[in-house]
C-alpha atoms as a PDB file:
ATOM      1  CA  MET A   1     106.869  76.460 119.060  1.00  0.00           C
ATOM      2  CA  SER A   2     103.484  76.122 120.775  1.00  0.00           C
ATOM      3  CA  SER A   3     100.271  76.283 118.807  1.00  0.00           C
ATOM      4  CA  GLN A   4      99.187  79.928 118.757  1.00  0.00           C
ATOM      5  CA  ASP A   5      98.877  82.883 116.434  1.00  0.00           C
ATOM      6  CA  ALA A   6     102.069  83.975 114.706  1.00  0.00           C
ATOM      7  CA  LEU A   7     100.559  87.368 113.921  1.00  0.00           C
ATOM      8  CA  ILE A   8      97.683  89.329 115.462  1.00  0.00           C
ATOM      9  CA  LEU A   9      96.458  92.665 114.092  1.00  0.00           C
ATOM     10  CA  ASP A  10      93.833  94.650 115.976  1.00  0.00           C
ATOM     11  CA  GLY A  11      92.380  97.760 114.362  1.00  0.00           C
ATOM     12  CA  LEU A  12      95.571  98.536 112.460  1.00  0.00           C
ATOM     13  CA  THR A  13      95.302 101.880 110.648  1.00  0.00           C
ATOM     14  CA  LYS A  14      97.806 104.018 108.764  1.00  0.00           C
ATOM     15  CA  ARG A  15      97.106 107.566 107.623  1.00  0.00           C
ATOM     16  CA  TYR A  16      99.344 109.999 105.786  1.00  0.00           C
ATOM     17  CA  GLY A  17      97.708 113.350 106.369  1.00  0.00           C
ATOM     18  CA  ASP A  18      94.229 113.153 104.872  1.00  0.00           C
ATOM     19  CA  PHE A  19      95.036 109.938 102.979  1.00  0.00           C
ATOM     20  CA  THR A  20      94.210 106.616 104.639  1.00  0.00           C
ATOM     21  CA  ALA A  21      96.457 103.840 103.331  1.00  0.00           C
ATOM     22  CA  VAL A  22      95.057 101.122 105.636  1.00  0.00           C
ATOM     23  CA  ARG A  23      91.900 101.335 107.717  1.00  0.00           C
ATOM     24  CA  ASP A  24      91.008  99.194 110.737  1.00  0.00           C
ATOM     25  CA  VAL A  25      92.524  95.841 109.736  1.00  0.00           C
ATOM     26  CA  SER A  26      92.101  93.074 112.313  1.00  0.00           C
ATOM     27  CA  LEU A  27      93.122  89.442 111.811  1.00  0.00           C
ATOM     28  CA  ARG A  28      94.919  86.442 113.256  1.00  0.00           C
ATOM     29  CA  VAL A  29      97.462  84.335 111.357  1.00  0.00           C
ATOM     30  CA  PRO A  30      97.799  80.876 112.952  1.00  0.00           C
ATOM     31  CA  GLU A  31     101.286  79.464 113.369  1.00  0.00           C
ATOM     32  CA  GLY A  32     102.175  77.024 110.637  1.00  0.00           C
ATOM     33  CA  SER A  33      99.710  78.434 108.116  1.00  0.00           C
ATOM     34  CA  ILE A  34     100.137  79.890 104.629  1.00  0.00           C
ATOM     35  CA  TYR A  35      98.292  83.187 104.620  1.00  0.00           C
ATOM     36  CA  GLY A  36      97.728  85.400 101.572  1.00  0.00           C
ATOM     37  CA  PHE A  37      97.319  89.171 101.601  1.00  0.00           C
ATOM     38  CA  LEU A  38      95.303  89.675  98.419  1.00  0.00           C
ATOM     39  CA  GLY A  39      94.001  92.722  96.629  1.00  0.00           C
ATOM     40  CA  PRO A  40      94.509  95.043  93.687  1.00  0.00           C
ATOM     41  CA  ASN A  41      97.614  97.179  93.382  1.00  0.00           C
ATOM     42  CA  GLY A  42      97.461 100.108  95.783  1.00  0.00           C
ATOM     43  CA  ALA A  43      94.949  98.415  98.078  1.00  0.00           C
ATOM     44  CA  GLY A  44      97.165  98.647 101.185  1.00  0.00           C
ATOM     45  CA  LYS A  45      98.901  95.264 101.223  1.00  0.00           C
ATOM     46  CA  THR A  46     102.475  96.583 101.317  1.00  0.00           C
ATOM     47  CA  THR A  47     101.640  99.244 103.905  1.00  0.00           C
ATOM     48  CA  THR A  48     100.136  96.557 106.134  1.00  0.00           C
ATOM     49  CA  ILE A  49     103.271  94.434 105.787  1.00  0.00           C
ATOM     50  CA  ARG A  50     105.500  97.397 106.583  1.00  0.00           C
ATOM     51  CA  MET A  51     103.531  98.084 109.749  1.00  0.00           C
ATOM     52  CA  VAL A  52     103.878  94.429 110.752  1.00  0.00           C
ATOM     53  CA  LEU A  53     107.644  94.670 110.294  1.00  0.00           C
ATOM     54  CA  ASP A  54     107.909  98.004 112.152  1.00  0.00           C
ATOM     55  CA  ILE A  55     109.206  99.721 109.016  1.00  0.00           C
ATOM     56  CA  VAL A  56     106.398 102.259 109.395  1.00  0.00           C
ATOM     57  CA  LYS A  57     104.444 102.961 112.569  1.00  0.00           C
ATOM     58  CA  PRO A  58     100.667 102.516 112.597  1.00  0.00           C
ATOM     59  CA  THR A  59      98.563 105.593 113.225  1.00  0.00           C
ATOM     60  CA  SER A  60      96.366 103.509 115.498  1.00  0.00           C
ATOM     61  CA  GLY A  61      95.782  99.905 116.446  1.00  0.00           C
ATOM     62  CA  THR A  62      98.001  97.215 117.940  1.00  0.00           C
ATOM     63  CA  LEU A  63      99.811  94.116 116.752  1.00  0.00           C
ATOM     64  CA  SER A  64     101.649  91.049 118.023  1.00  0.00           C
ATOM     65  CA  VAL A  65     104.398  89.337 116.023  1.00  0.00           C
ATOM     66  CA  LEU A  66     105.493  85.915 117.277  1.00  0.00           C
ATOM     67  CA  GLY A  67     104.158  86.886 120.681  1.00  0.00           C
ATOM     68  CA  GLN A  68     105.939  90.249 120.826  1.00  0.00           C
ATOM     69  CA  PRO A  69     104.519  93.782 120.408  1.00  0.00           C
ATOM     70  CA  THR A  70     107.108  94.647 117.761  1.00  0.00           C
ATOM     71  CA  ALA A  71     108.857  92.693 115.022  1.00  0.00           C
ATOM     72  CA  MET A  72     112.175  94.213 116.070  1.00  0.00           C
ATOM     73  CA  ALA A  73     112.118  92.064 119.226  1.00  0.00           C
ATOM     74  CA  VAL A  74     112.051  88.887 117.120  1.00  0.00           C
ATOM     75  CA  ARG A  75     113.753  90.076 113.925  1.00  0.00           C
ATOM     76  CA  GLU A  76     116.144  87.113 113.794  1.00  0.00           C
ATOM     77  CA  ARG A  77     113.135  84.785 113.596  1.00  0.00           C
ATOM     78  CA  ILE A  78     111.640  86.634 110.606  1.00  0.00           C
ATOM     79  CA  GLY A  79     112.474  86.359 106.910  1.00  0.00           C
ATOM     80  CA  TYR A  80     111.392  89.238 104.646  1.00  0.00           C
ATOM     81  CA  LEU A  81     111.338  89.713 100.886  1.00  0.00           C
ATOM     82  CA  PRO A  82     110.469  93.341 100.095  1.00  0.00           C
ATOM     83  CA  GLU A  83     108.432  94.437  97.109  1.00  0.00           C
ATOM     84  CA  GLU A  84     111.407  96.437  95.827  1.00  0.00           C
ATOM     85  CA  LYS A  85     113.908  93.768  94.826  1.00  0.00           C
ATOM     86  CA  GLY A  86     117.648  94.494  94.935  1.00  0.00           C
ATOM     87  CA  LEU A  87     120.939  92.639  95.438  1.00  0.00           C
ATOM     88  CA  TYR A  88     124.653  93.354  95.656  1.00  0.00           C
ATOM     89  CA  LYS A  89     125.463  92.881  91.979  1.00  0.00           C
ATOM     90  CA  LYS A  90     129.210  92.282  92.354  1.00  0.00           C
ATOM     91  CA  MET A  91     128.801  89.501  94.919  1.00  0.00           C
ATOM     92  CA  LYS A  92     128.556  85.834  94.013  1.00  0.00           C
ATOM     93  CA  ALA A  93     125.162  84.197  94.386  1.00  0.00           C
ATOM     94  CA  TRP A  94     126.178  81.976  97.301  1.00  0.00           C
ATOM     95  CA  ALA A  95     127.901  84.874  99.054  1.00  0.00           C
ATOM     96  CA  VAL A  96     124.757  87.030  98.952  1.00  0.00           C
ATOM     97  CA  ILE A  97     122.710  84.279 100.598  1.00  0.00           C
ATOM     98  CA  ALA A  98     125.380  83.550 103.193  1.00  0.00           C
ATOM     99  CA  TYR A  99     125.770  87.259 103.969  1.00  0.00           C
ATOM    100  CA  PHE A 100     122.101  87.711 104.804  1.00  0.00           C
ATOM    101  CA  ALA A 101     122.106  84.509 106.859  1.00  0.00           C
ATOM    102  CA  ARG A 102     125.037  85.821 108.907  1.00  0.00           C
ATOM    103  CA  LEU A 103     123.153  89.074 109.514  1.00  0.00           C
ATOM    104  CA  LYS A 104     120.497  86.929 111.216  1.00  0.00           C
ATOM    105  CA  GLY A 105     122.990  85.186 113.483  1.00  0.00           C
ATOM    106  CA  VAL A 106     124.059  82.127 111.468  1.00  0.00           C
ATOM    107  CA  SER A 107     127.768  81.220 111.733  1.00  0.00           C
ATOM    108  CA  GLY A 108     129.994  81.755 108.688  1.00  0.00           C
ATOM    109  CA  LYS A 109     130.548  78.056 107.980  1.00  0.00           C
ATOM    110  CA  GLU A 110     126.896  77.144 108.353  1.00  0.00           C
ATOM    111  CA  ALA A 111     125.749  80.152 106.316  1.00  0.00           C
ATOM    112  CA  LYS A 112     127.929  79.100 103.378  1.00  0.00           C
ATOM    113  CA  GLN A 113     126.707  75.521 103.620  1.00  0.00           C
ATOM    114  CA  ARG A 114     123.065  76.585 103.678  1.00  0.00           C
ATOM    115  CA  ALA A 115     123.624  78.906 100.713  1.00  0.00           C
ATOM    116  CA  HIS A 116     124.978  76.119  98.534  1.00  0.00           C
ATOM    117  CA  GLU A 117     122.274  73.692  99.681  1.00  0.00           C
ATOM    118  CA  LEU A 118     119.507  76.140  98.825  1.00  0.00           C
ATOM    119  CA  LEU A 119     120.960  77.001  95.435  1.00  0.00           C
ATOM    120  CA  GLU A 120     121.281  73.316  94.586  1.00  0.00           C
ATOM    121  CA  ARG A 121     117.767  72.472  95.775  1.00  0.00           C
ATOM    122  CA  TYR A 122     116.112  75.176  93.684  1.00  0.00           C
ATOM    123  CA  GLY A 123     118.024  74.720  90.448  1.00  0.00           C
ATOM    124  CA  LEU A 124     120.795  77.297  90.805  1.00  0.00           C
ATOM    125  CA  GLY A 125     123.660  75.081  91.936  1.00  0.00           C
ATOM    126  CA  ALA A 126     125.591  75.674  88.705  1.00  0.00           C
ATOM    127  CA  PHE A 127     125.360  79.430  89.261  1.00  0.00           C
ATOM    128  CA  ALA A 128     126.574  79.535  92.861  1.00  0.00           C
ATOM    129  CA  ASP A 129     129.883  81.191  91.924  1.00  0.00           C
ATOM    130  CA  LYS A 130     128.364  83.560  89.361  1.00  0.00           C
ATOM    131  CA  LYS A 131     128.139  87.238  90.186  1.00  0.00           C
ATOM    132  CA  VAL A 132     124.605  88.498  90.645  1.00  0.00           C
ATOM    133  CA  GLU A 133     124.987  90.928  87.754  1.00  0.00           C
ATOM    134  CA  THR A 134     125.386  87.995  85.337  1.00  0.00           C
ATOM    135  CA  LEU A 135     122.173  86.268  86.403  1.00  0.00           C
ATOM    136  CA  SER A 136     118.827  86.636  84.683  1.00  0.00           C
ATOM    137  CA  LYS A 137     116.090  88.617  86.421  1.00  0.00           C
ATOM    138  CA  GLY A 138     114.321  85.425  87.470  1.00  0.00           C
ATOM    139  CA  MET A 139     117.510  83.874  88.838  1.00  0.00           C
ATOM    140  CA  GLY A 140     118.335  87.042  90.726  1.00  0.00           C
ATOM    141  CA  GLN A 141     114.906  87.108  92.310  1.00  0.00           C
ATOM    142  CA  LYS A 142     115.259  83.482  93.383  1.00  0.00           C
ATOM    143  CA  VAL A 143     118.612  84.323  94.979  1.00  0.00           C
ATOM    144  CA  GLN A 144     116.975  87.140  96.920  1.00  0.00           C
ATOM    145  CA  VAL A 145     114.188  84.857  98.096  1.00  0.00           C
ATOM    146  CA  LEU A 146     116.728  82.271  99.261  1.00  0.00           C
ATOM    147  CA  ALA A 147     118.681  85.004 101.036  1.00  0.00           C
ATOM    148  CA  SER A 148     115.550  85.903 102.993  1.00  0.00           C
ATOM    149  CA  ILE A 149     115.030  82.339 104.280  1.00  0.00           C
ATOM    150  CA  ALA A 150     118.572  80.974 104.715  1.00  0.00           C
ATOM    151  CA  HIS A 151     118.440  81.520 108.489  1.00  0.00           C
ATOM    152  CA  LYS A 152     115.394  79.195 108.742  1.00  0.00           C
ATOM    153  CA  PRO A 153     112.941  81.798 110.050  1.00  0.00           C
ATOM    154  CA  ASP A 154     109.775  80.949 111.973  1.00  0.00           C
ATOM    155  CA  LEU A 155     107.831  83.654 110.119  1.00  0.00           C
ATOM    156  CA  VAL A 156     108.397  84.435 106.425  1.00  0.00           C
ATOM    157  CA  ILE A 157     106.846  87.532 104.849  1.00  0.00           C
ATOM    158  CA  LEU A 158     107.051  87.832 101.066  1.00  0.00           C
ATOM    159  CA  ASP A 159     105.782  90.998  99.370  1.00  0.00           C
ATOM    160  CA  GLU A 160     104.687  90.245  95.774  1.00  0.00           C
ATOM    161  CA  PRO A 161     107.121  87.306  95.425  1.00  0.00           C
ATOM    162  CA  PHE A 162     105.675  86.225  92.046  1.00  0.00           C
ATOM    163  CA  SER A 163     106.028  89.621  90.397  1.00  0.00           C
ATOM    164  CA  GLY A 164     108.207  89.546  87.288  1.00  0.00           C
ATOM    165  CA  LEU A 165     108.703  85.765  87.287  1.00  0.00           C
ATOM    166  CA  ASP A 166     107.984  83.567  84.274  1.00  0.00           C
ATOM    167  CA  PRO A 167     105.615  80.588  84.784  1.00  0.00           C
ATOM    168  CA  SER A 168     108.496  78.177  85.461  1.00  0.00           C
ATOM    169  CA  ASN A 169     109.996  80.355  88.177  1.00  0.00           C
ATOM    170  CA  GLN A 170     106.549  81.061  89.604  1.00  0.00           C
ATOM    171  CA  GLN A 171     106.213  77.324  90.149  1.00  0.00           C
ATOM    172  CA  VAL A 172     109.616  77.272  91.853  1.00  0.00           C
ATOM    173  CA  MET A 173     108.395  80.078  94.123  1.00  0.00           C
ATOM    174  CA  GLU A 174     105.321  78.050  95.047  1.00  0.00           C
ATOM    175  CA  ASP A 175     107.622  75.105  95.789  1.00  0.00           C
ATOM    176  CA  VAL A 176     109.779  77.283  98.059  1.00  0.00           C
ATOM    177  CA  ILE A 177     106.713  78.441  99.987  1.00  0.00           C
ATOM    178  CA  SER A 178     105.401  74.883 100.305  1.00  0.00           C
ATOM    179  CA  ASP A 179     108.782  73.552 101.466  1.00  0.00           C
ATOM    180  CA  LEU A 180     109.122  76.297 104.073  1.00  0.00           C
ATOM    181  CA  ASN A 181     105.671  75.574 105.403  1.00  0.00           C
ATOM    182  CA  LYS A 182     106.360  71.833 105.617  1.00  0.00           C
ATOM    183  CA  ALA A 183     109.473  72.681 107.642  1.00  0.00           C
ATOM    184  CA  GLY A 184     107.293  74.544 110.150  1.00  0.00           C
ATOM    185  CA  SER A 185     107.449  78.179 109.033  1.00  0.00           C
ATOM    186  CA  THR A 186     104.416  80.434 108.950  1.00  0.00           C
ATOM    187  CA  ILE A 187     104.194  82.096 105.537  1.00  0.00           C
ATOM    188  CA  ILE A 188     102.553  85.406 104.701  1.00  0.00           C
ATOM    189  CA  PHE A 189     102.719  86.642 101.141  1.00  0.00           C
ATOM    190  CA  SER A 190     101.006  89.429  99.241  1.00  0.00           C
ATOM    191  CA  THR A 191      99.833  89.169  95.662  1.00  0.00           C
ATOM    192  CA  HIS A 192      97.263  90.543  93.248  1.00  0.00           C
ATOM    193  CA  VAL A 193      97.219  87.234  91.312  1.00  0.00           C
ATOM    194  CA  MET A 194      94.473  85.078  92.752  1.00  0.00           C
ATOM    195  CA  SER A 195      95.585  81.759  91.226  1.00  0.00           C
ATOM    196  CA  HIS A 196      98.723  81.519  93.380  1.00  0.00           C
ATOM    197  CA  ALA A 197      96.765  82.049  96.575  1.00  0.00           C
ATOM    198  CA  GLU A 198      94.066  79.582  95.543  1.00  0.00           C
ATOM    199  CA  ARG A 199      96.629  76.812  95.069  1.00  0.00           C
ATOM    200  CA  ILE A 200      98.683  77.198  98.220  1.00  0.00           C
ATOM    201  CA  CYS A 201      96.963  79.334 100.882  1.00  0.00           C
ATOM    202  CA  ASP A 202      95.192  78.058 103.995  1.00  0.00           C
ATOM    203  CA  ARG A 203      93.634  81.448 104.685  1.00  0.00           C
ATOM    204  CA  ILE A 204      93.449  84.824 102.959  1.00  0.00           C
ATOM    205  CA  LEU A 205      92.915  88.486 103.698  1.00  0.00           C
ATOM    206  CA  LEU A 206      91.235  90.324 100.834  1.00  0.00           C
ATOM    207  CA  ILE A 207      91.824  94.061 101.045  1.00  0.00           C
ATOM    208  CA  ALA A 208      90.502  96.790  98.752  1.00  0.00           C
ATOM    209  CA  LYS A 209      90.529 100.567  98.991  1.00  0.00           C
ATOM    210  CA  ALA A 210      92.512 100.287 102.245  1.00  0.00           C
ATOM    211  CA  GLU A 211      89.841  98.171 103.955  1.00  0.00           C
ATOM    212  CA  MET A 212      89.296  94.522 104.818  1.00  0.00           C
ATOM    213  CA  VAL A 213      86.808  92.863 102.513  1.00  0.00           C
ATOM    214  CA  PHE A 214      87.276  89.267 103.662  1.00  0.00           C
ATOM    215  CA  ASP A 215      89.326  87.192 106.106  1.00  0.00           C
ATOM    216  CA  GLY A 216      89.002  83.417 106.181  1.00  0.00           C
ATOM    217  CA  THR A 217      89.620  80.178 104.320  1.00  0.00           C
ATOM    218  CA  ILE A 218      89.448  79.674 100.566  1.00  0.00           C
ATOM    219  CA  GLU A 219      86.321  77.552 101.024  1.00  0.00           C
ATOM    220  CA  GLN A 220      84.655  80.275 103.088  1.00  0.00           C
ATOM    221  CA  ALA A 221      85.526  82.842 100.424  1.00  0.00           C
ATOM    222  CA  LYS A 222      84.008  80.741  97.655  1.00  0.00           C
ATOM    223  CA  ALA A 223      80.851  80.251  99.715  1.00  0.00           C
ATOM    224  CA  LEU A 224      80.228  84.007  99.579  1.00  0.00           C
ATOM    225  CA  ILE A 225      79.146  83.921  95.946  1.00  0.00           C
ATOM    226  CA  PRO A 226      76.285  81.938  94.437  1.00  0.00           C
ATOM    227  CA  ARG A 227      77.097  78.848  92.402  1.00  0.00           C
ATOM    228  CA  LEU A 228      76.269  79.055  88.706  1.00  0.00           C
ATOM    229  CA  VAL A 229      75.490  76.453  86.072  1.00  0.00           C
ATOM    230  CA  ARG A 230      75.336  77.145  82.354  1.00  0.00           C
ATOM    231  CA  ILE A 231      72.432  75.414  80.615  1.00  0.00           C
ATOM    232  CA  GLY A 232      71.587  75.435  76.906  1.00  0.00           C
ATOM    233  CA  GLY A 233      68.692  74.135  74.825  1.00  0.00           C
ATOM    234  CA  VAL A 234      65.795  75.020  77.117  1.00  0.00           C
ATOM    235  CA  GLU A 235      63.546  78.041  77.637  1.00  0.00           C
ATOM    236  CA  ALA A 236      64.079  80.236  80.669  1.00  0.00           C
ATOM    237  CA  SER A 237      60.487  79.758  81.817  1.00  0.00           C
ATOM    238  CA  ARG A 238      60.954  75.986  82.108  1.00  0.00           C
ATOM    239  CA  LEU A 239      64.214  76.437  84.011  1.00  0.00           C
ATOM    240  CA  ARG A 240      62.581  78.767  86.532  1.00  0.00           C
ATOM    241  CA  SER A 241      60.035  76.091  87.404  1.00  0.00           C
ATOM    242  CA  LEU A 242      62.666  73.530  88.400  1.00  0.00           C
ATOM    243  CA  PRO A 243      63.666  72.875  92.050  1.00  0.00           C
ATOM    244  CA  GLY A 244      67.019  74.323  93.043  1.00  0.00           C
ATOM    245  CA  VAL A 245      66.886  77.108  90.458  1.00  0.00           C
ATOM    246  CA  GLY A 246      67.340  80.676  91.649  1.00  0.00           C
ATOM    247  CA  ASP A 247      67.843  83.479  89.164  1.00  0.00           C
ATOM    248  CA  VAL A 248      68.061  82.727  85.433  1.00  0.00           C
ATOM    249  CA  MET A 249      70.078  85.058  83.211  1.00  0.00           C
ATOM    250  CA  PRO A 250      70.896  84.859  79.486  1.00  0.00           C
ATOM    251  CA  SER A 251      74.594  84.339  78.834  1.00  0.00           C
ATOM    252  CA  GLU A 252      76.306  87.379  77.338  1.00  0.00           C
ATOM    253  CA  GLU A 253      78.840  85.145  75.609  1.00  0.00           C
ATOM    254  CA  SER A 254      76.730  82.241  74.275  1.00  0.00           C
ATOM    255  CA  PRO A 255      73.335  82.801  72.617  1.00  0.00           C
ATOM    256  CA  GLY A 256      70.757  80.221  73.691  1.00  0.00           C
ATOM    257  CA  VAL A 257      72.596  79.495  76.934  1.00  0.00           C
ATOM    258  CA  PHE A 258      71.384  80.596  80.377  1.00  0.00           C
ATOM    259  CA  GLU A 259      73.416  81.190  83.525  1.00  0.00           C
ATOM    260  CA  VAL A 260      71.424  79.711  86.384  1.00  0.00           C
ATOM    261  CA  VAL A 261      72.017  80.616  90.024  1.00  0.00           C
ATOM    262  CA  VAL A 262      71.816  77.513  92.205  1.00  0.00           C
ATOM    263  CA  ALA A 263      69.541  78.243  95.161  1.00  0.00           C
ATOM    264  CA  ASP A 264      71.016  78.052  98.656  1.00  0.00           C
ATOM    265  CA  GLY A 265      71.072  74.533 100.048  1.00  0.00           C
ATOM    266  CA  HIS A 266      70.826  72.910  96.638  1.00  0.00           C
ATOM    267  CA  ASP A 267      73.292  71.128  94.384  1.00  0.00           C
ATOM    268  CA  PRO A 268      73.730  71.654  90.602  1.00  0.00           C
ATOM    269  CA  GLN A 269      73.141  67.942  90.046  1.00  0.00           C
ATOM    270  CA  GLU A 270      69.625  68.356  91.453  1.00  0.00           C
ATOM    271  CA  ILE A 271      68.852  70.682  88.565  1.00  0.00           C
ATOM    272  CA  LEU A 272      70.246  68.225  86.043  1.00  0.00           C
ATOM    273  CA  ARG A 273      68.221  65.364  87.540  1.00  0.00           C
ATOM    274  CA  ALA A 274      65.099  67.528  87.475  1.00  0.00           C
ATOM    275  CA  CYS A 275      65.667  68.215  83.769  1.00  0.00           C
ATOM    276  CA  MET A 276      65.905  64.482  83.123  1.00  0.00           C
ATOM    277  CA  ARG A 277      62.711  63.755  85.101  1.00  0.00           C
ATOM    278  CA  GLU A 278      60.835  66.422  83.168  1.00  0.00           C
ATOM    279  CA  GLY A 279      62.094  65.040  79.857  1.00  0.00           C
ATOM    280  CA  ILE A 280      63.918  68.287  79.037  1.00  0.00           C
ATOM    281  CA  GLU A 281      66.557  67.709  76.387  1.00  0.00           C
ATOM    282  CA  LEU A 282      69.558  69.963  76.971  1.00  0.00           C
ATOM    283  CA  SER A 283      72.197  70.968  74.444  1.00  0.00           C
ATOM    284  CA  SER A 284      74.675  71.742  77.230  1.00  0.00           C
ATOM    285  CA  PHE A 285      75.065  71.641  81.005  1.00  0.00           C
ATOM    286  CA  GLU A 286      78.190  73.057  82.633  1.00  0.00           C
ATOM    287  CA  SER A 287      78.811  73.191  86.351  1.00  0.00           C
ATOM    288  CA  GLY A 288      81.963  74.306  88.118  1.00  0.00           C
ATOM    289  CA  GLU A 289      83.215  75.591  91.434  1.00  0.00           C
ATOM    290  CA  PRO A 290      83.722  79.356  91.688  1.00  0.00           C
ATOM    291  CA  THR A 291      87.346  80.429  91.657  1.00  0.00           C
ATOM    292  CA  LEU A 292      89.065  82.865  93.984  1.00  0.00           C
ATOM    293  CA  HIS A 293      89.184  85.245  91.035  1.00  0.00           C
ATOM    294  CA  ASP A 294      85.384  85.048  90.880  1.00  0.00           C
ATOM    295  CA  VAL A 295      85.255  85.944  94.577  1.00  0.00           C
ATOM    296  CA  PHE A 296      87.659  88.818  93.976  1.00  0.00           C
ATOM    297  CA  LEU A 297      85.493  90.270  91.211  1.00  0.00           C
ATOM    298  CA  HIS A 298      82.351  89.703  93.248  1.00  0.00           C
ATOM    299  CA  LEU A 299      83.658  91.562  96.304  1.00  0.00           C
ATOM    300  CA  VAL A 300      86.138  94.087  95.012  1.00  0.00           C
ATOM    301  CA  GLY A 301      84.345  94.848  91.766  1.00  0.00           C
ATOM    302  CA  ASP A 302      81.128  95.723  93.589  1.00  0.00           C
ATOM    303  CA  ASP A 303      81.361  98.821  95.782  1.00  0.00           C
ATOM    304  CA  ALA A 304      78.146  97.909  97.547  1.00  0.00           C
ATOM    305  CA  LYS A 305      79.629  94.614  98.721  1.00  0.00           C
ATOM    306  CA  VAL A 306      82.747  96.332 100.008  1.00  0.00           C
ATOM    307  CA  ALA A 307      80.683  98.871 101.871  1.00  0.00           C
ATOM    308  CA  ALA A 308      78.503  96.152 103.351  1.00  0.00           C
ATOM    309  CA  TYR A 309      81.503  94.485 104.962  1.00  0.00           C
ATOM    310  CA  ARG A 310      82.605  97.577 106.884  1.00  0.00           C
END
């Protein structure tokens, strides 16, 4: 595949009567990337995915999926895990995976081989001949994920793939996504859990109240919020006089500790060095990178910020 965008959305909007589920979403997902659709429950992530897959028609806007105006034209190159999970309970695990692979054009012999290989690779080899109804919820969800990728799709779309999984199986899910990406697939997945996206995504879309709040890399997202350091053992007035110090706020959690906003263009270590030069003895100094969860709270938890992005 040539280097281009696997998915392009331009002004995508979906309305149901007076209710707007998604409003004016535009983005590009580069081929070979891992792209997260992030946001709180009910934000519009699933509706966006369903428009991409031609399950529901957009009210307005256009899209391109693997170079085509509709996903139906390239459906055999797409793998999809829906938010509503469900399997044929009387079928054996390997048979479910092979069945879905055959629906996407894989021969019977190869579909069975791929099913067993996938089950073995992701820790379910011993359960290949077990009926789905005998598997645990986590095992069943892994089987459904493997069924959605057994045909080696170019584009994989996973709607809330981590939902309902214990920490061990969540790690397996991250491994599946990473392995698919290394094999050349473009991955899009939705989630409301920021930690998964922070670990594995190249780019993210943050959506809230049906609208885009952010589209870009993790680093670009983190750059949207000011860096903070937590400093104890010094008066606020002395902190405010130091270079690199922006706002100074008392910590709500730790008496005697101040949360200091690092001014643009400065580094937290500059503040620490300034304290040492001034002979200021500190009881504590904590500096850390903002997390994607911090960005989420900063953007989605503040209506003014959301409105400013429109």
